[in-house]
PDB file of N, CA and C in Angstrom:
ATOM      1  N   MET A   1      27.784  28.006 -33.702  1.00  0.00           N
ATOM      2  CA  MET A   1      29.104  28.093 -33.134  1.00  0.00           C
ATOM      3  C   MET A   1      29.029  28.176 -31.618  1.00  0.00           C
ATOM      4  N   CYS A   2      27.991  28.825 -31.100  1.00  0.00           N
ATOM      5  CA  CYS A   2      27.842  28.923 -29.646  1.00  0.00           C
ATOM      6  C   CYS A   2      27.743  27.542 -29.020  1.00  0.00           C
ATOM      7  N   LEU A   3      27.074  26.625 -29.722  1.00  0.00           N
ATOM      8  CA  LEU A   3      26.918  25.264 -29.220  1.00  0.00           C
ATOM      9  C   LEU A   3      28.275  24.611 -29.007  1.00  0.00           C
ATOM     10  N   LEU A   4      29.233  24.920 -29.842  1.00  0.00           N
ATOM     11  CA  LEU A   4      30.558  24.316 -29.738  1.00  0.00           C
ATOM     12  C   LEU A   4      31.425  24.988 -28.684  1.00  0.00           C
ATOM     13  N   ARG A   5      31.266  26.272 -28.513  1.00  0.00           N
ATOM     14  CA  ARG A   5      32.126  27.009 -27.568  1.00  0.00           C
ATOM     15  C   ARG A   5      31.630  26.924 -26.124  1.00  0.00           C
ATOM     16  N   SER A   6      30.315  26.878 -25.947  1.00  0.00           N
ATOM     17  CA  SER A   6      29.753  26.808 -24.604  1.00  0.00           C
ATOM     18  C   SER A   6      28.472  25.980 -24.637  1.00  0.00           C
ATOM     19  N   PRO A   7      28.591  24.651 -24.760  1.00  0.00           N
ATOM     20  CA  PRO A   7      27.421  23.804 -24.962  1.00  0.00           C
ATOM     21  C   PRO A   7      26.375  23.877 -23.858  1.00  0.00           C
ATOM     22  N   SER A   8      26.771  24.163 -22.638  1.00  0.00           N
ATOM     23  CA  SER A   8      25.807  24.158 -21.546  1.00  0.00           C
ATOM     24  C   SER A   8      24.950  25.420 -21.482  1.00  0.00           C
ATOM     25  N   SER A   9      25.283  26.456 -22.238  1.00  0.00           N
ATOM     26  CA  SER A   9      24.549  27.712 -22.120  1.00  0.00           C
ATOM     27  C   SER A   9      23.763  28.080 -23.376  1.00  0.00           C
ATOM     28  N   VAL A  10      23.500  27.103 -24.216  1.00  0.00           N
ATOM     29  CA  VAL A  10      22.855  27.404 -25.492  1.00  0.00           C
ATOM     30  C   VAL A  10      21.451  26.819 -25.554  1.00  0.00           C
ATOM     31  N   TRP A  11      20.485  27.667 -25.849  1.00  0.00           N
ATOM     32  CA  TRP A  11      19.093  27.256 -26.032  1.00  0.00           C
ATOM     33  C   TRP A  11      18.497  28.120 -27.125  1.00  0.00           C
ATOM     34  N   PHE A  12      18.483  27.664 -28.354  1.00  0.00           N
ATOM     35  CA  PHE A  12      17.918  28.461 -29.425  1.00  0.00           C
ATOM     36  C   PHE A  12      17.538  27.596 -30.616  1.00  0.00           C
ATOM     37  N   LEU A  13      16.835  28.189 -31.552  1.00  0.00           N
ATOM     38  CA  LEU A  13      16.403  27.525 -32.767  1.00  0.00           C
ATOM     39  C   LEU A  13      17.065  28.207 -33.960  1.00  0.00           C
ATOM     40  N   LEU A  14      17.679  27.424 -34.800  1.00  0.00           N
ATOM     41  CA  LEU A  14      18.298  27.962 -36.013  1.00  0.00           C
ATOM     42  C   LEU A  14      17.498  27.524 -37.227  1.00  0.00           C
ATOM     43  N   GLN A  15      17.367  28.382 -38.175  1.00  0.00           N
ATOM     44  CA  GLN A  15      16.745  28.014 -39.439  1.00  0.00           C
ATOM     45  C   GLN A  15      17.798  28.148 -40.525  1.00  0.00           C
ATOM     46  N   VAL A  16      18.041  27.077 -41.232  1.00  0.00           N
ATOM     47  CA  VAL A  16      18.994  27.002 -42.331  1.00  0.00           C
ATOM     48  C   VAL A  16      20.378  27.546 -41.929  1.00  0.00           C
ATOM     49  N   PRO A  17      21.005  26.934 -40.943  1.00  0.00           N
ATOM     50  CA  PRO A  17      22.348  27.376 -40.596  1.00  0.00           C
ATOM     51  C   PRO A  17      23.360  26.943 -41.657  1.00  0.00           C
ATOM     52  N   PHE A  18      24.416  27.674 -41.769  1.00  0.00           N
ATOM     53  CA  PHE A  18      25.491  27.357 -42.710  1.00  0.00           C
ATOM     54  C   PHE A  18      26.494  26.524 -41.920  1.00  0.00           C
ATOM     55  N   LEU A  19      26.308  25.205 -41.903  1.00  0.00           N
ATOM     56  CA  LEU A  19      27.091  24.347 -41.028  1.00  0.00           C
ATOM     57  C   LEU A  19      28.470  23.993 -41.564  1.00  0.00           C
ATOM     58  N   ASP A  20      28.568  23.732 -42.842  1.00  0.00           N
ATOM     59  CA  ASP A  20      29.831  23.283 -43.425  1.00  0.00           C
ATOM     60  C   ASP A  20      30.367  24.355 -44.374  1.00  0.00           C
ATOM     61  N   ALA A  21      30.668  25.499 -43.824  1.00  0.00           N
ATOM     62  CA  ALA A  21      31.077  26.646 -44.646  1.00  0.00           C
ATOM     63  C   ALA A  21      32.333  26.370 -45.454  1.00  0.00           C
ATOM     64  N   THR A  22      33.306  25.707 -44.873  1.00  0.00           N
ATOM     65  CA  THR A  22      34.569  25.478 -45.570  1.00  0.00           C
ATOM     66  C   THR A  22      34.351  24.716 -46.872  1.00  0.00           C
ATOM     67  N   ASN A  23      33.723  23.556 -46.784  1.00  0.00           N
ATOM     68  CA  ASN A  23      33.525  22.734 -47.979  1.00  0.00           C
ATOM     69  C   ASN A  23      32.507  23.331 -48.940  1.00  0.00           C
ATOM     70  N   THR A  24      31.468  23.951 -48.405  1.00  0.00           N
ATOM     71  CA  THR A  24      30.450  24.542 -49.266  1.00  0.00           C
ATOM     72  C   THR A  24      31.041  25.654 -50.123  1.00  0.00           C
ATOM     73  N   LEU A  25      31.828  26.518 -49.521  1.00  0.00           N
ATOM     74  CA  LEU A  25      32.413  27.631 -50.264  1.00  0.00           C
ATOM     75  C   LEU A  25      33.492  27.176 -51.246  1.00  0.00           C
ATOM     76  N   LEU A  26      34.078  26.012 -51.012  1.00  0.00           N
ATOM     77  CA  LEU A  26      35.108  25.496 -51.915  1.00  0.00           C
ATOM     78  C   LEU A  26      34.535  24.705 -53.089  1.00  0.00           C
ATOM     79  N   HIS A  27      33.250  24.363 -53.032  1.00  0.00           N
ATOM     80  CA  HIS A  27      32.631  23.521 -54.053  1.00  0.00           C
ATOM     81  C   HIS A  27      32.233  24.364 -55.265  1.00  0.00           C
ATOM     82  N   PRO A  28      32.902  24.213 -56.406  1.00  0.00           N
ATOM     83  CA  PRO A  28      32.674  25.094 -57.552  1.00  0.00           C
ATOM     84  C   PRO A  28      31.321  24.925 -58.245  1.00  0.00           C
ATOM     85  N   ILE A  29      30.626  23.827 -58.032  1.00  0.00           N
ATOM     86  CA  ILE A  29      29.346  23.597 -58.716  1.00  0.00           C
ATOM     87  C   ILE A  29      28.189  24.353 -58.051  1.00  0.00           C
ATOM     88  N   LEU A  30      28.308  24.662 -56.777  1.00  0.00           N
ATOM     89  CA  LEU A  30      27.211  25.316 -56.059  1.00  0.00           C
ATOM     90  C   LEU A  30      26.993  26.741 -56.568  1.00  0.00           C
ATOM     91  N   PRO A  31      25.723  27.163 -56.589  1.00  0.00           N
ATOM     92  CA  PRO A  31      25.396  28.498 -57.120  1.00  0.00           C
ATOM     93  C   PRO A  31      25.655  29.624 -56.116  1.00  0.00           C
ATOM     94  N   LEU A  32      26.906  29.800 -55.734  1.00  0.00           N
ATOM     95  CA  LEU A  32      27.256  30.872 -54.798  1.00  0.00           C
ATOM     96  C   LEU A  32      27.450  32.169 -55.569  1.00  0.00           C
ATOM     97  N   VAL A  33      27.184  33.258 -54.902  1.00  0.00           N
ATOM     98  CA  VAL A  33      27.338  34.570 -55.527  1.00  0.00           C
ATOM     99  C   VAL A  33      28.348  35.389 -54.740  1.00  0.00           C
ATOM    100  N   ALA A  34      28.722  36.521 -55.272  1.00  0.00           N
ATOM    101  CA  ALA A  34      29.717  37.373 -54.615  1.00  0.00           C
ATOM    102  C   ALA A  34      29.305  37.727 -53.192  1.00  0.00           C
ATOM    103  N   ASP A  35      28.003  37.890 -52.945  1.00  0.00           N
ATOM    104  CA  ASP A  35      27.535  38.223 -51.596  1.00  0.00           C
ATOM    105  C   ASP A  35      27.895  37.131 -50.587  1.00  0.00           C
ATOM    106  N   ASP A  36      27.845  35.860 -51.028  1.00  0.00           N
ATOM    107  CA  ASP A  36      28.211  34.760 -50.130  1.00  0.00           C
ATOM    108  C   ASP A  36      29.674  34.873 -49.715  1.00  0.00           C
ATOM    109  N   PHE A  37      30.542  35.131 -50.673  1.00  0.00           N
ATOM    110  CA  PHE A  37      31.960  35.258 -50.361  1.00  0.00           C
ATOM    111  C   PHE A  37      32.244  36.516 -49.553  1.00  0.00           C
ATOM    112  N   GLU A  38      31.489  37.568 -49.804  1.00  0.00           N
ATOM    113  CA  GLU A  38      31.666  38.800 -49.029  1.00  0.00           C
ATOM    114  C   GLU A  38      31.260  38.579 -47.573  1.00  0.00           C
ATOM    115  N   GLU A  39      30.183  37.815 -47.370  1.00  0.00           N
ATOM    116  CA  GLU A  39      29.694  37.571 -46.017  1.00  0.00           C
ATOM    117  C   GLU A  39      30.576  36.584 -45.256  1.00  0.00           C
ATOM    118  N   PHE A  40      30.960  35.490 -45.903  1.00  0.00           N
ATOM    119  CA  PHE A  40      31.666  34.420 -45.205  1.00  0.00           C
ATOM    120  C   PHE A  40      33.172  34.408 -45.437  1.00  0.00           C
ATOM    121  N   GLY A  41      33.629  35.014 -46.519  1.00  0.00           N
ATOM    122  CA  GLY A  41      35.046  34.990 -46.868  1.00  0.00           C
ATOM    123  C   GLY A  41      35.271  34.095 -48.075  1.00  0.00           C
ATOM    124  N   TYR A  42      36.419  34.265 -48.706  1.00  0.00           N
ATOM    125  CA  TYR A  42      36.757  33.462 -49.881  1.00  0.00           C
ATOM    126  C   TYR A  42      37.829  32.447 -49.478  1.00  0.00           C
ATOM    127  N   PRO A  43      37.494  31.146 -49.458  1.00  0.00           N
ATOM    128  CA  PRO A  43      38.435  30.152 -48.952  1.00  0.00           C
ATOM    129  C   PRO A  43      39.685  29.970 -49.810  1.00  0.00           C
ATOM    130  N   GLY A  44      39.715  30.566 -51.014  1.00  0.00           N
ATOM    131  CA  GLY A  44      40.919  30.532 -51.831  1.00  0.00           C
ATOM    132  C   GLY A  44      42.016  31.409 -51.251  1.00  0.00           C
ATOM    133  N   ASP A  45      41.651  32.352 -50.399  1.00  0.00           N
ATOM    134  CA  ASP A  45      42.610  33.213 -49.700  1.00  0.00           C
ATOM    135  C   ASP A  45      42.908  32.545 -48.355  1.00  0.00           C
ATOM    136  N   ILE A  46      44.170  32.302 -48.060  1.00  0.00           N
ATOM    137  CA  ILE A  46      44.549  31.547 -46.859  1.00  0.00           C
ATOM    138  C   ILE A  46      44.051  32.190 -45.572  1.00  0.00           C
ATOM    139  N   ASN A  47      44.057  33.513 -45.475  1.00  0.00           N
ATOM    140  CA  ASN A  47      43.562  34.179 -44.263  1.00  0.00           C
ATOM    141  C   ASN A  47      42.061  33.970 -44.097  1.00  0.00           C
ATOM    142  N   ASP A  48      41.309  34.097 -45.198  1.00  0.00           N
ATOM    143  CA  ASP A  48      39.870  33.838 -45.140  1.00  0.00           C
ATOM    144  C   ASP A  48      39.606  32.372 -44.800  1.00  0.00           C
ATOM    145  N   PHE A  49      40.378  31.469 -45.414  1.00  0.00           N
ATOM    146  CA  PHE A  49      40.208  30.034 -45.165  1.00  0.00           C
ATOM    147  C   PHE A  49      40.366  29.721 -43.676  1.00  0.00           C
ATOM    148  N   LEU A  50      41.399  30.248 -43.058  1.00  0.00           N
ATOM    149  CA  LEU A  50      41.630  30.001 -41.637  1.00  0.00           C
ATOM    150  C   LEU A  50      40.524  30.609 -40.775  1.00  0.00           C
ATOM    151  N   ALA A  51      40.032  31.780 -41.153  1.00  0.00           N
ATOM    152  CA  ALA A  51      38.931  32.406 -40.411  1.00  0.00           C
ATOM    153  C   ALA A  51      37.651  31.590 -40.551  1.00  0.00           C
ATOM    154  N   ILE A  52      37.378  31.091 -41.751  1.00  0.00           N
ATOM    155  CA  ILE A  52      36.184  30.269 -41.973  1.00  0.00           C
ATOM    156  C   ILE A  52      36.270  28.998 -41.135  1.00  0.00           C
ATOM    157  N   ARG A  53      37.423  28.368 -41.107  1.00  0.00           N
ATOM    158  CA  ARG A  53      37.603  27.147 -40.308  1.00  0.00           C
ATOM    159  C   ARG A  53      37.398  27.427 -38.820  1.00  0.00           C
ATOM    160  N   GLU A  54      37.711  28.638 -38.386  1.00  0.00           N
ATOM    161  CA  GLU A  54      37.557  29.005 -36.979  1.00  0.00           C
ATOM    162  C   GLU A  54      36.091  29.046 -36.553  1.00  0.00           C
ATOM    163  N   TYR A  55      35.192  29.530 -37.427  1.00  0.00           N
ATOM    164  CA  TYR A  55      33.780  29.645 -37.036  1.00  0.00           C
ATOM    165  C   TYR A  55      32.880  28.574 -37.622  1.00  0.00           C
ATOM    166  N   SER A  56      33.370  27.724 -38.490  1.00  0.00           N
ATOM    167  CA  SER A  56      32.560  26.686 -39.120  1.00  0.00           C
ATOM    168  C   SER A  56      32.213  25.590 -38.110  1.00  0.00           C
ATOM    169  N   PRO A  57      30.936  25.437 -37.765  1.00  0.00           N
ATOM    170  CA  PRO A  57      30.556  24.422 -36.771  1.00  0.00           C
ATOM    171  C   PRO A  57      31.018  23.017 -37.150  1.00  0.00           C
ATOM    172  N   TYR A  58      30.903  22.673 -38.411  1.00  0.00           N
ATOM    173  CA  TYR A  58      31.292  21.343 -38.885  1.00  0.00           C
ATOM    174  C   TYR A  58      32.767  21.060 -38.602  1.00  0.00           C
ATOM    175  N   ASP A  59      33.593  22.055 -38.694  1.00  0.00           N
ATOM    176  CA  ASP A  59      35.028  21.882 -38.503  1.00  0.00           C
ATOM    177  C   ASP A  59      35.472  22.023 -37.050  1.00  0.00           C
ATOM    178  N   ASN A  60      34.547  22.295 -36.142  1.00  0.00           N
ATOM    179  CA  ASN A  60      34.928  22.544 -34.754  1.00  0.00           C
ATOM    180  C   ASN A  60      34.298  21.598 -33.741  1.00  0.00           C
ATOM    181  N   VAL A  61      33.675  20.530 -34.189  1.00  0.00           N
ATOM    182  CA  VAL A  61      33.139  19.535 -33.261  1.00  0.00           C
ATOM    183  C   VAL A  61      34.331  18.809 -32.648  1.00  0.00           C
ATOM    184  N   GLN A  62      34.337  18.720 -31.327  1.00  0.00           N
ATOM    185  CA  GLN A  62      35.470  18.114 -30.633  1.00  0.00           C
ATOM    186  C   GLN A  62      35.098  16.750 -30.067  1.00  0.00           C
ATOM    187  N   LYS A  63      36.044  15.858 -30.099  1.00  0.00           N
ATOM    188  CA  LYS A  63      35.864  14.515 -29.562  1.00  0.00           C
ATOM    189  C   LYS A  63      35.800  14.580 -28.035  1.00  0.00           C
ATOM    190  N   ASP A  64      34.985  13.731 -27.450  1.00  0.00           N
ATOM    191  CA  ASP A  64      34.853  13.598 -25.998  1.00  0.00           C
ATOM    192  C   ASP A  64      34.285  14.831 -25.301  1.00  0.00           C
ATOM    193  N   VAL A  65      33.510  15.645 -26.010  1.00  0.00           N
ATOM    194  CA  VAL A  65      32.815  16.778 -25.405  1.00  0.00           C
ATOM    195  C   VAL A  65      31.333  16.420 -25.361  1.00  0.00           C
ATOM    196  N   LEU A  66      30.701  16.627 -24.223  1.00  0.00           N
ATOM    197  CA  LEU A  66      29.278  16.322 -24.097  1.00  0.00           C
ATOM    198  C   LEU A  66      28.464  17.525 -24.552  1.00  0.00           C
ATOM    199  N   TYR A  67      27.909  17.433 -25.753  1.00  0.00           N
ATOM    200  CA  TYR A  67      27.055  18.489 -26.291  1.00  0.00           C
ATOM    201  C   TYR A  67      25.614  18.181 -25.927  1.00  0.00           C
ATOM    202  N   PRO A  68      24.768  19.194 -25.819  1.00  0.00           N
ATOM    203  CA  PRO A  68      23.351  18.940 -25.524  1.00  0.00           C
ATOM    204  C   PRO A  68      22.686  18.256 -26.714  1.00  0.00           C
ATOM    205  N   ALA A  69      21.570  17.605 -26.436  1.00  0.00           N
ATOM    206  CA  ALA A  69      20.812  16.957 -27.507  1.00  0.00           C
ATOM    207  C   ALA A  69      20.370  18.003 -28.524  1.00  0.00           C
ATOM    208  N   VAL A  70      20.426  17.655 -29.786  1.00  0.00           N
ATOM    209  CA  VAL A  70      20.093  18.585 -30.859  1.00  0.00           C
ATOM    210  C   VAL A  70      19.137  17.896 -31.827  1.00  0.00           C
ATOM    211  N   LEU A  71      18.048  18.560 -32.163  1.00  0.00           N
ATOM    212  CA  LEU A  71      17.128  18.070 -33.179  1.00  0.00           C
ATOM    213  C   LEU A  71      17.486  18.754 -34.484  1.00  0.00           C
ATOM    214  N   VAL A  72      17.844  17.975 -35.478  1.00  0.00           N
ATOM    215  CA  VAL A  72      18.222  18.509 -36.781  1.00  0.00           C
ATOM    216  C   VAL A  72      17.277  17.942 -37.815  1.00  0.00           C
ATOM    217  N   SER A  73      16.703  18.818 -38.621  1.00  0.00           N
ATOM    218  CA  SER A  73      15.866  18.363 -39.736  1.00  0.00           C
ATOM    219  C   SER A  73      16.314  19.114 -40.972  1.00  0.00           C
ATOM    220  N   SER A  74      16.013  18.533 -42.104  1.00  0.00           N
ATOM    221  CA  SER A  74      16.472  19.134 -43.355  1.00  0.00           C
ATOM    222  C   SER A  74      15.466  18.840 -44.456  1.00  0.00           C
ATOM    223  N   SER A  75      15.702  19.455 -45.585  1.00  0.00           N
ATOM    224  CA  SER A  75      14.903  19.156 -46.772  1.00  0.00           C
ATOM    225  C   SER A  75      15.859  19.062 -47.943  1.00  0.00           C
ATOM    226  N   PHE A  76      15.366  18.605 -49.053  1.00  0.00           N
ATOM    227  CA  PHE A  76      16.213  18.448 -50.245  1.00  0.00           C
ATOM    228  C   PHE A  76      16.713  19.784 -50.731  1.00  0.00           C
ATOM    229  N   THR A  77      15.845  20.766 -50.747  1.00  0.00           N
ATOM    230  CA  THR A  77      16.234  22.097 -51.198  1.00  0.00           C
ATOM    231  C   THR A  77      15.896  23.116 -50.120  1.00  0.00           C
ATOM    232  N   THR A  78      16.833  23.972 -49.789  1.00  0.00           N
ATOM    233  CA  THR A  78      16.597  24.942 -48.718  1.00  0.00           C
ATOM    234  C   THR A  78      16.462  26.349 -49.214  1.00  0.00           C
ATOM    235  N   ARG A  79      16.447  26.542 -50.512  1.00  0.00           N
ATOM    236  CA  ARG A  79      16.306  27.909 -51.040  1.00  0.00           C
ATOM    237  C   ARG A  79      14.898  28.183 -51.417  1.00  0.00           C
TER     238      ARG A  79
END
């Protein structure tokens, strides 16, 4: 989220960030547990949904903003 709010002042490494919180938490097939909803919020509740959208990096990328170069790598399974 820092990358989106202040792109020029961010220098760090993230491991397994939760990038698309809104859609991930809404997907009923994923093996989420109560702890996930307690930590991030339950998107079925409108107040939680709006809060999740506020901090979800995937939902906050803005057009015409120059973000720093980012190296992203992934694997098939992250658990």
